Amino acid sequence: MNFKDYIRVIPDFPQPGIRFKDITTLLKDGPAYRAAIEAMKELIKDKEIDLIAGPEARGFVIGAPLAIALGVGFVPIRKSGKLPGQTVEAAYDLEYGKDRLAIHNDSIKPGQKILIADDLLATGGTIATSIDLINQLGGEIVGAAFLIELGYLSGREKLSGIDVFSLMTY
């Protein structure tokens, strides 16, 4: 299946010159969405994984079904102030600004093997911050899996030493 056929490209969003890769056109097609999750599962089949962690919000729609497909748990990484209870936080740069991410401080036990899953690898800032949070909790990163990688933004370079799996590359 050519998954790129299910991705809508929207020019000049959210600002001029950006060609936004809209995954909602894939998500609304049940068979294509299921096939994409199964294809991602196949990409990481040789990894030993205890938990999948996904950054807000589109990491939830990729990470949670991937966790179900693998029979492992899912850990949400949220924006600062969105999780109840005690958290650890880290700041990061977005493609278009700055933000902070948080994770519950009891969501990962030291030594657990964690795969990070998200819809898109762009500049790598969100994922590098997710890695930092997981490392703070003693988790072992076994890789990062993406529906889409924007290769021309070199985000993979920020993730040196991490196995990166991408279903589609632009």
N, C-alpha and C. Protein backbone atom coordinates (compact mmCIF):
# COMPACT_ATOMS: atom_id res chain seq x y z
N MET A 1 0.86 -1.18 0.00
CA MET A 1 0.00 0.00 0.00
C MET A 1 0.90 1.24 0.00
N ASN A 2 0.60 2.19 -0.85
CA ASN A 2 1.34 3.45 -0.87
C ASN A 2 0.65 4.42 0.09
N PHE A 3 1.20 4.53 1.29
CA PHE A 3 0.57 5.35 2.33
C PHE A 3 0.59 6.84 1.98
N LYS A 4 1.52 7.26 1.15
CA LYS A 4 1.55 8.67 0.75
C LYS A 4 0.28 9.07 0.01
N ASP A 5 -0.38 8.09 -0.61
CA ASP A 5 -1.65 8.39 -1.30
C ASP A 5 -2.73 8.84 -0.32
N TYR A 6 -2.54 8.56 0.98
CA TYR A 6 -3.53 8.91 2.00
C TYR A 6 -3.15 10.16 2.80
N ILE A 7 -2.04 10.79 2.44
CA ILE A 7 -1.58 12.00 3.13
C ILE A 7 -1.90 13.21 2.27
N ARG A 8 -2.64 14.15 2.84
CA ARG A 8 -2.97 15.38 2.13
C ARG A 8 -1.87 16.41 2.43
N VAL A 9 -1.35 17.03 1.38
CA VAL A 9 -0.34 18.06 1.55
C VAL A 9 -1.02 19.42 1.37
N ILE A 10 -0.91 20.25 2.40
CA ILE A 10 -1.56 21.56 2.39
C ILE A 10 -0.48 22.63 2.29
N PRO A 11 -0.44 23.35 1.16
CA PRO A 11 0.59 24.38 1.00
C PRO A 11 0.33 25.59 1.88
N ASP A 12 1.44 26.21 2.30
CA ASP A 12 1.42 27.47 3.05
C ASP A 12 0.65 27.38 4.37
N PHE A 13 0.75 26.23 5.04
CA PHE A 13 0.15 26.08 6.37
C PHE A 13 1.20 25.50 7.30
N PRO A 14 1.41 26.03 8.47
CA PRO A 14 0.72 27.15 9.11
C PRO A 14 1.28 28.52 8.73
N GLN A 15 2.28 28.50 7.84
CA GLN A 15 2.83 29.78 7.39
C GLN A 15 3.33 29.60 5.96
N PRO A 16 3.52 30.70 5.23
CA PRO A 16 3.96 30.61 3.84
C PRO A 16 5.25 29.79 3.69
N GLY A 17 5.27 28.97 2.66
CA GLY A 17 6.44 28.16 2.36
C GLY A 17 6.43 26.77 2.98
N ILE A 18 5.55 26.53 3.95
CA ILE A 18 5.45 25.21 4.58
C ILE A 18 4.45 24.37 3.79
N ARG A 19 4.82 23.11 3.54
CA ARG A 19 3.91 22.16 2.90
C ARG A 19 3.52 21.13 3.97
N PHE A 20 2.43 21.42 4.67
CA PHE A 20 1.98 20.64 5.82
C PHE A 20 1.51 19.26 5.38
N LYS A 21 2.00 18.23 6.06
CA LYS A 21 1.59 16.85 5.78
C LYS A 21 0.44 16.51 6.74
N ASP A 22 -0.77 16.47 6.21
CA ASP A 22 -1.99 16.26 6.99
C ASP A 22 -2.31 14.77 7.05
N ILE A 23 -2.20 14.19 8.25
CA ILE A 23 -2.46 12.75 8.40
C ILE A 23 -3.94 12.44 8.63
N THR A 24 -4.77 13.45 8.80
CA THR A 24 -6.19 13.18 9.10
C THR A 24 -6.86 12.43 7.96
N THR A 25 -6.36 12.60 6.75
CA THR A 25 -6.94 11.88 5.61
C THR A 25 -6.61 10.39 5.67
N LEU A 26 -5.51 10.02 6.30
CA LEU A 26 -5.19 8.61 6.53
C LEU A 26 -6.00 8.09 7.72
N LEU A 27 -6.07 8.88 8.78
CA LEU A 27 -6.76 8.44 10.00
C LEU A 27 -8.23 8.14 9.78
N LYS A 28 -8.87 8.89 8.89
CA LYS A 28 -10.31 8.69 8.68
C LYS A 28 -10.64 7.47 7.83
N ASP A 29 -9.61 6.88 7.20
CA ASP A 29 -9.80 5.68 6.39
C ASP A 29 -9.39 4.47 7.24
N GLY A 30 -10.38 3.79 7.81
CA GLY A 30 -10.11 2.69 8.74
C GLY A 30 -9.12 1.66 8.22
N PRO A 31 -9.35 1.11 7.03
CA PRO A 31 -8.41 0.09 6.53
C PRO A 31 -6.99 0.65 6.32
N ALA A 32 -6.87 1.87 5.85
CA ALA A 32 -5.54 2.46 5.64
C ALA A 32 -4.85 2.73 6.98
N TYR A 33 -5.61 3.25 7.95
CA TYR A 33 -5.07 3.51 9.29
C TYR A 33 -4.58 2.21 9.91
N ARG A 34 -5.41 1.18 9.86
CA ARG A 34 -5.02 -0.12 10.41
C ARG A 34 -3.78 -0.66 9.69
N ALA A 35 -3.74 -0.54 8.37
CA ALA A 35 -2.59 -1.03 7.61
C ALA A 35 -1.32 -0.25 7.97
N ALA A 36 -1.45 1.05 8.21
CA ALA A 36 -0.28 1.85 8.59
C ALA A 36 0.26 1.41 9.95
N ILE A 37 -0.63 1.17 10.90
CA ILE A 37 -0.20 0.71 12.23
C ILE A 37 0.45 -0.67 12.11
N GLU A 38 -0.14 -1.55 11.31
CA GLU A 38 0.44 -2.88 11.12
C GLU A 38 1.81 -2.80 10.43
N ALA A 39 1.95 -1.89 9.47
CA ALA A 39 3.23 -1.70 8.79
C ALA A 39 4.28 -1.15 9.76
N MET A 40 3.88 -0.25 10.65
CA MET A 40 4.81 0.26 11.65
C MET A 40 5.21 -0.85 12.63
N LYS A 41 4.25 -1.68 12.99
CA LYS A 41 4.53 -2.82 13.86
C LYS A 41 5.58 -3.73 13.20
N GLU A 42 5.46 -3.93 11.92
CA GLU A 42 6.41 -4.76 11.18
C GLU A 42 7.82 -4.14 11.19
N LEU A 43 7.89 -2.80 11.10
CA LEU A 43 9.18 -2.11 11.11
C LEU A 43 9.95 -2.35 12.41
N ILE A 44 9.23 -2.48 13.52
CA ILE A 44 9.87 -2.57 14.84
C ILE A 44 9.80 -3.97 15.43
N LYS A 45 9.44 -4.94 14.64
CA LYS A 45 9.16 -6.29 15.14
C LYS A 45 10.33 -6.93 15.88
N ASP A 46 11.56 -6.53 15.59
CA ASP A 46 12.72 -7.14 16.23
C ASP A 46 13.12 -6.44 17.52
N LYS A 47 12.40 -5.42 17.92
CA LYS A 47 12.71 -4.67 19.14
C LYS A 47 11.99 -5.27 20.34
N GLU A 48 12.70 -5.33 21.45
CA GLU A 48 12.06 -5.72 22.71
C GLU A 48 11.51 -4.44 23.33
N ILE A 49 10.19 -4.38 23.53
CA ILE A 49 9.52 -3.15 23.97
C ILE A 49 8.63 -3.46 25.17
N ASP A 50 8.79 -2.67 26.23
CA ASP A 50 7.91 -2.78 27.39
C ASP A 50 6.76 -1.78 27.32
N LEU A 51 7.06 -0.58 26.83
CA LEU A 51 6.08 0.51 26.76
C LEU A 51 6.34 1.34 25.52
N ILE A 52 5.27 1.95 25.04
CA ILE A 52 5.40 2.97 23.99
C ILE A 52 5.04 4.30 24.63
N ALA A 53 5.86 5.30 24.34
CA ALA A 53 5.60 6.67 24.80
C ALA A 53 5.31 7.52 23.57
N GLY A 54 4.27 8.36 23.68
CA GLY A 54 3.91 9.22 22.56
C GLY A 54 3.67 10.64 23.00
N PRO A 55 4.30 11.60 22.33
CA PRO A 55 4.07 13.01 22.68
C PRO A 55 2.74 13.52 22.15
N GLU A 56 2.15 14.41 22.93
CA GLU A 56 0.87 15.05 22.60
C GLU A 56 0.98 15.75 21.25
N ALA A 57 -0.01 15.76 20.47
CA ALA A 57 -1.23 15.00 20.57
C ALA A 57 -1.23 13.89 19.53
N ARG A 58 -0.57 14.12 18.42
CA ARG A 58 -0.64 13.11 17.36
C ARG A 58 0.17 11.87 17.69
N GLY A 59 1.10 11.97 18.65
CA GLY A 59 1.78 10.77 19.12
C GLY A 59 0.82 9.81 19.79
N PHE A 60 -0.31 10.35 20.28
CA PHE A 60 -1.33 9.49 20.89
C PHE A 60 -2.02 8.64 19.83
N VAL A 61 -2.33 9.22 18.67
CA VAL A 61 -3.09 8.49 17.64
C VAL A 61 -2.22 7.51 16.87
N ILE A 62 -0.91 7.62 17.03
CA ILE A 62 0.00 6.63 16.44
C ILE A 62 0.47 5.67 17.53
N GLY A 63 0.91 6.20 18.66
CA GLY A 63 1.48 5.38 19.72
C GLY A 63 0.50 4.45 20.40
N ALA A 64 -0.70 4.93 20.72
CA ALA A 64 -1.67 4.09 21.43
C ALA A 64 -2.10 2.87 20.60
N PRO A 65 -2.50 3.04 19.33
CA PRO A 65 -2.86 1.83 18.58
C PRO A 65 -1.67 0.91 18.32
N LEU A 66 -0.47 1.48 18.21
CA LEU A 66 0.71 0.65 18.05
C LEU A 66 0.97 -0.16 19.32
N ALA A 67 0.76 0.47 20.48
CA ALA A 67 0.90 -0.24 21.75
C ALA A 67 -0.11 -1.39 21.84
N ILE A 68 -1.34 -1.14 21.44
CA ILE A 68 -2.37 -2.19 21.45
C ILE A 68 -1.96 -3.33 20.52
N ALA A 69 -1.47 -2.97 19.32
CA ALA A 69 -1.06 -4.00 18.36
C ALA A 69 0.08 -4.86 18.90
N LEU A 70 0.94 -4.26 19.73
CA LEU A 70 2.08 -4.99 20.29
C LEU A 70 1.75 -5.65 21.63
N GLY A 71 0.62 -5.28 22.23
CA GLY A 71 0.25 -5.83 23.52
C GLY A 71 1.06 -5.25 24.67
N VAL A 72 1.47 -3.96 24.53
CA VAL A 72 2.22 -3.29 25.59
C VAL A 72 1.46 -2.05 26.03
N GLY A 73 1.92 -1.43 27.11
CA GLY A 73 1.27 -0.23 27.61
C GLY A 73 1.69 1.02 26.85
N PHE A 74 0.94 2.10 27.10
CA PHE A 74 1.19 3.39 26.46
C PHE A 74 1.36 4.46 27.52
N VAL A 75 2.36 5.31 27.35
CA VAL A 75 2.65 6.42 28.26
C VAL A 75 2.51 7.73 27.50
N PRO A 76 1.56 8.59 27.90
CA PRO A 76 1.43 9.89 27.23
C PRO A 76 2.48 10.89 27.73
N ILE A 77 3.04 11.61 26.80
CA ILE A 77 3.91 12.74 27.11
C ILE A 77 3.11 13.97 26.73
N ARG A 78 2.83 14.83 27.73
CA ARG A 78 1.89 15.93 27.51
C ARG A 78 2.57 17.27 27.66
N LYS A 79 1.86 18.28 27.24
CA LYS A 79 2.33 19.64 27.47
C LYS A 79 2.25 19.95 28.96
N SER A 80 3.12 20.84 29.40
CA SER A 80 3.19 21.22 30.80
C SER A 80 1.82 21.63 31.33
N GLY A 81 1.49 21.16 32.56
CA GLY A 81 0.25 21.53 33.21
C GLY A 81 -0.95 20.68 32.84
N LYS A 82 -0.80 19.68 31.98
CA LYS A 82 -1.92 18.86 31.54
C LYS A 82 -2.04 17.52 32.26
N LEU A 83 -1.01 17.11 32.99
CA LEU A 83 -1.06 15.83 33.70
C LEU A 83 -1.29 16.07 35.19
N PRO A 84 -2.20 15.31 35.80
CA PRO A 84 -2.37 15.41 37.25
C PRO A 84 -1.22 14.67 37.94
N GLY A 85 -0.99 14.94 39.17
CA GLY A 85 0.05 14.23 39.90
C GLY A 85 1.43 14.80 39.63
N GLN A 86 2.44 14.11 40.16
CA GLN A 86 3.81 14.58 40.04
C GLN A 86 4.39 14.23 38.68
N THR A 87 5.10 15.20 38.10
CA THR A 87 5.68 15.03 36.78
C THR A 87 7.12 15.50 36.78
N VAL A 88 7.84 15.11 35.73
CA VAL A 88 9.11 15.73 35.39
C VAL A 88 8.86 16.46 34.08
N GLU A 89 9.57 17.57 33.87
CA GLU A 89 9.34 18.41 32.70
C GLU A 89 10.66 18.78 32.03
N ALA A 90 10.55 19.16 30.77
CA ALA A 90 11.70 19.65 30.02
C ALA A 90 11.21 20.64 28.96
N ALA A 91 11.98 21.66 28.72
CA ALA A 91 11.66 22.67 27.70
C ALA A 91 12.28 22.27 26.36
N TYR A 92 11.66 22.75 25.28
CA TYR A 92 12.19 22.46 23.95
C TYR A 92 11.74 23.52 22.97
N ASP A 93 12.43 23.54 21.81
CA ASP A 93 12.07 24.45 20.72
C ASP A 93 11.21 23.70 19.72
N LEU A 94 10.11 24.32 19.33
CA LEU A 94 9.27 23.81 18.25
C LEU A 94 9.76 24.36 16.93
N GLU A 95 9.20 23.84 15.84
CA GLU A 95 9.51 24.43 14.54
C GLU A 95 9.09 25.89 14.50
N TYR A 96 8.06 26.25 15.28
CA TYR A 96 7.50 27.60 15.22
C TYR A 96 7.45 28.28 16.58
N GLY A 97 8.27 27.89 17.56
CA GLY A 97 8.24 28.53 18.87
C GLY A 97 8.88 27.66 19.94
N LYS A 98 8.44 27.84 21.19
CA LYS A 98 8.98 27.08 22.33
C LYS A 98 7.82 26.48 23.13
N ASP A 99 8.14 25.40 23.88
CA ASP A 99 7.12 24.77 24.71
C ASP A 99 7.80 23.91 25.77
N ARG A 100 6.99 23.27 26.62
CA ARG A 100 7.48 22.35 27.65
C ARG A 100 6.66 21.07 27.59
N LEU A 101 7.33 19.95 27.80
CA LEU A 101 6.67 18.66 27.87
C LEU A 101 6.81 18.08 29.27
N ALA A 102 5.86 17.23 29.64
CA ALA A 102 5.86 16.60 30.95
C ALA A 102 5.47 15.14 30.84
N ILE A 103 5.91 14.36 31.82
CA ILE A 103 5.56 12.94 31.91
C ILE A 103 5.40 12.63 33.39
N HIS A 104 4.44 11.75 33.72
CA HIS A 104 4.29 11.35 35.12
C HIS A 104 5.59 10.72 35.61
N ASN A 105 6.00 11.09 36.82
CA ASN A 105 7.27 10.58 37.32
C ASN A 105 7.22 9.09 37.70
N ASP A 106 6.04 8.49 37.71
CA ASP A 106 5.93 7.05 38.00
C ASP A 106 5.48 6.23 36.79
N SER A 107 5.53 6.83 35.61
CA SER A 107 5.02 6.14 34.41
C SER A 107 6.00 5.13 33.82
N ILE A 108 7.28 5.29 34.13
CA ILE A 108 8.31 4.41 33.60
C ILE A 108 9.21 3.97 34.75
N LYS A 109 9.47 2.69 34.83
CA LYS A 109 10.38 2.16 35.84
C LYS A 109 11.78 2.09 35.24
N PRO A 110 12.80 2.31 36.06
CA PRO A 110 14.17 2.20 35.55
C PRO A 110 14.40 0.86 34.86
N GLY A 111 15.01 0.94 33.69
CA GLY A 111 15.33 -0.27 32.92
C GLY A 111 14.26 -0.70 31.95
N GLN A 112 13.05 -0.13 32.03
CA GLN A 112 12.03 -0.52 31.05
C GLN A 112 12.45 -0.05 29.65
N LYS A 113 12.13 -0.88 28.68
CA LYS A 113 12.49 -0.60 27.28
C LYS A 113 11.35 0.18 26.63
N ILE A 114 11.69 1.37 26.14
CA ILE A 114 10.68 2.30 25.65
C ILE A 114 10.90 2.60 24.18
N LEU A 115 9.81 2.49 23.41
CA LEU A 115 9.79 2.96 22.03
C LEU A 115 8.98 4.24 22.02
N ILE A 116 9.51 5.28 21.41
CA ILE A 116 8.76 6.52 21.23
C ILE A 116 8.07 6.44 19.88
N ALA A 117 6.79 6.81 19.83
CA ALA A 117 6.05 6.79 18.57
C ALA A 117 5.37 8.14 18.38
N ASP A 118 5.43 8.63 17.15
CA ASP A 118 4.80 9.91 16.82
C ASP A 118 4.41 9.90 15.35
N ASP A 119 3.62 10.90 14.98
CA ASP A 119 3.20 10.96 13.58
C ASP A 119 4.31 11.45 12.67
N LEU A 120 5.18 12.35 13.17
CA LEU A 120 6.08 13.06 12.28
C LEU A 120 7.42 13.35 12.94
N LEU A 121 8.50 13.06 12.24
CA LEU A 121 9.83 13.51 12.64
C LEU A 121 10.18 14.67 11.73
N ALA A 122 10.27 15.86 12.31
CA ALA A 122 10.64 17.06 11.55
C ALA A 122 12.04 17.46 11.99
N THR A 123 12.16 18.46 12.86
CA THR A 123 13.47 18.92 13.31
C THR A 123 14.03 18.07 14.44
N GLY A 124 13.20 17.26 15.07
CA GLY A 124 13.65 16.37 16.13
C GLY A 124 13.55 16.93 17.54
N GLY A 125 13.11 18.17 17.69
CA GLY A 125 13.06 18.81 19.01
C GLY A 125 12.12 18.13 19.98
N THR A 126 10.93 17.80 19.53
CA THR A 126 9.95 17.14 20.41
C THR A 126 10.45 15.77 20.85
N ILE A 127 11.02 15.04 19.93
CA ILE A 127 11.47 13.68 20.25
C ILE A 127 12.71 13.73 21.13
N ALA A 128 13.63 14.65 20.86
CA ALA A 128 14.81 14.78 21.73
C ALA A 128 14.38 15.11 23.16
N THR A 129 13.36 15.94 23.31
CA THR A 129 12.85 16.27 24.64
C THR A 129 12.17 15.06 25.28
N SER A 130 11.44 14.30 24.48
CA SER A 130 10.82 13.07 24.98
C SER A 130 11.89 12.09 25.48
N ILE A 131 12.97 11.98 24.73
CA ILE A 131 14.09 11.12 25.12
C ILE A 131 14.66 11.59 26.46
N ASP A 132 14.83 12.91 26.60
CA ASP A 132 15.34 13.47 27.85
C ASP A 132 14.44 13.09 29.03
N LEU A 133 13.13 13.22 28.85
CA LEU A 133 12.19 12.88 29.93
C LEU A 133 12.27 11.40 30.30
N ILE A 134 12.31 10.55 29.30
CA ILE A 134 12.39 9.10 29.54
C ILE A 134 13.70 8.75 30.23
N ASN A 135 14.78 9.38 29.80
CA ASN A 135 16.08 9.15 30.45
C ASN A 135 16.06 9.59 31.91
N GLN A 136 15.38 10.71 32.20
CA GLN A 136 15.28 11.17 33.59
C GLN A 136 14.64 10.13 34.49
N LEU A 137 13.74 9.33 33.91
CA LEU A 137 13.04 8.30 34.68
C LEU A 137 13.75 6.95 34.66
N GLY A 138 14.87 6.87 33.94
CA GLY A 138 15.64 5.63 33.90
C GLY A 138 15.20 4.65 32.85
N GLY A 139 14.33 5.09 31.93
CA GLY A 139 13.91 4.21 30.84
C GLY A 139 15.02 4.03 29.83
N GLU A 140 14.97 2.90 29.13
CA GLU A 140 15.94 2.61 28.08
C GLU A 140 15.26 2.79 26.73
N ILE A 141 15.70 3.76 25.96
CA ILE A 141 15.11 4.02 24.64
C ILE A 141 15.59 2.95 23.66
N VAL A 142 14.65 2.21 23.08
CA VAL A 142 15.02 1.18 22.11
C VAL A 142 14.79 1.65 20.67
N GLY A 143 14.19 2.82 20.51
CA GLY A 143 13.98 3.35 19.17
C GLY A 143 12.88 4.40 19.16
N ALA A 144 12.70 4.97 17.98
CA ALA A 144 11.65 5.95 17.74
C ALA A 144 11.02 5.62 16.39
N ALA A 145 9.69 5.53 16.36
CA ALA A 145 8.97 5.14 15.15
C ALA A 145 8.02 6.26 14.73
N PHE A 146 8.01 6.54 13.44
CA PHE A 146 7.22 7.65 12.91
C PHE A 146 6.42 7.20 11.69
N LEU A 147 5.24 7.77 11.58
CA LEU A 147 4.45 7.60 10.37
C LEU A 147 5.16 8.28 9.20
N ILE A 148 5.65 9.51 9.45
CA ILE A 148 6.29 10.32 8.41
C ILE A 148 7.60 10.90 8.94
N GLU A 149 8.61 10.92 8.09
CA GLU A 149 9.85 11.63 8.39
C GLU A 149 10.09 12.66 7.29
N LEU A 150 10.33 13.89 7.70
CA LEU A 150 10.72 14.95 6.76
C LEU A 150 12.24 14.96 6.71
N GLY A 151 12.80 14.15 5.81
CA GLY A 151 14.24 13.95 5.75
C GLY A 151 15.02 15.23 5.53
N TYR A 152 14.44 16.17 4.81
CA TYR A 152 15.13 17.42 4.48
C TYR A 152 15.31 18.34 5.69
N LEU A 153 14.66 18.03 6.82
CA LEU A 153 14.82 18.84 8.03
C LEU A 153 15.87 18.24 8.99
N SER A 154 16.41 17.07 8.66
CA SER A 154 17.52 16.46 9.39
C SER A 154 17.25 16.20 10.87
N GLY A 155 16.00 15.94 11.23
CA GLY A 155 15.67 15.66 12.62
C GLY A 155 16.35 14.41 13.15
N ARG A 156 16.61 13.48 12.28
CA ARG A 156 17.28 12.22 12.65
C ARG A 156 18.64 12.50 13.31
N GLU A 157 19.29 13.58 12.87
CA GLU A 157 20.61 13.92 13.42
C GLU A 157 20.54 14.26 14.91
N LYS A 158 19.42 14.81 15.38
CA LYS A 158 19.26 15.12 16.81
C LYS A 158 19.05 13.86 17.64
N LEU A 159 18.81 12.74 16.97
CA LEU A 159 18.51 11.49 17.65
C LEU A 159 19.65 10.49 17.51
N SER A 160 20.89 10.97 17.44
CA SER A 160 22.02 10.08 17.23
C SER A 160 22.07 9.02 18.32
N GLY A 161 22.37 7.81 17.91
CA GLY A 161 22.41 6.69 18.83
C GLY A 161 21.06 6.02 19.05
N ILE A 162 20.01 6.57 18.45
CA ILE A 162 18.65 6.02 18.57
C ILE A 162 18.27 5.40 17.22
N ASP A 163 17.75 4.19 17.25
CA ASP A 163 17.23 3.58 16.02
C ASP A 163 15.95 4.32 15.62
N VAL A 164 15.91 4.80 14.38
CA VAL A 164 14.76 5.54 13.87
C VAL A 164 14.08 4.72 12.78
N PHE A 165 12.76 4.57 12.91
CA PHE A 165 11.96 3.83 11.95
C PHE A 165 10.89 4.76 11.38
N SER A 166 10.85 4.89 10.06
CA SER A 166 9.86 5.78 9.43
C SER A 166 9.11 5.02 8.36
N LEU A 167 7.78 5.12 8.40
CA LEU A 167 6.97 4.45 7.40
C LEU A 167 7.04 5.17 6.06
N MET A 168 7.07 6.50 6.11
CA MET A 168 7.16 7.33 4.89
C MET A 168 8.20 8.40 5.09
N THR A 169 8.91 8.76 4.00
CA THR A 169 9.88 9.84 4.06
C THR A 169 9.61 10.80 2.92
N TYR A 170 9.62 12.08 3.26
CA TYR A 170 9.48 13.15 2.27
C TYR A 170 10.79 13.91 2.21
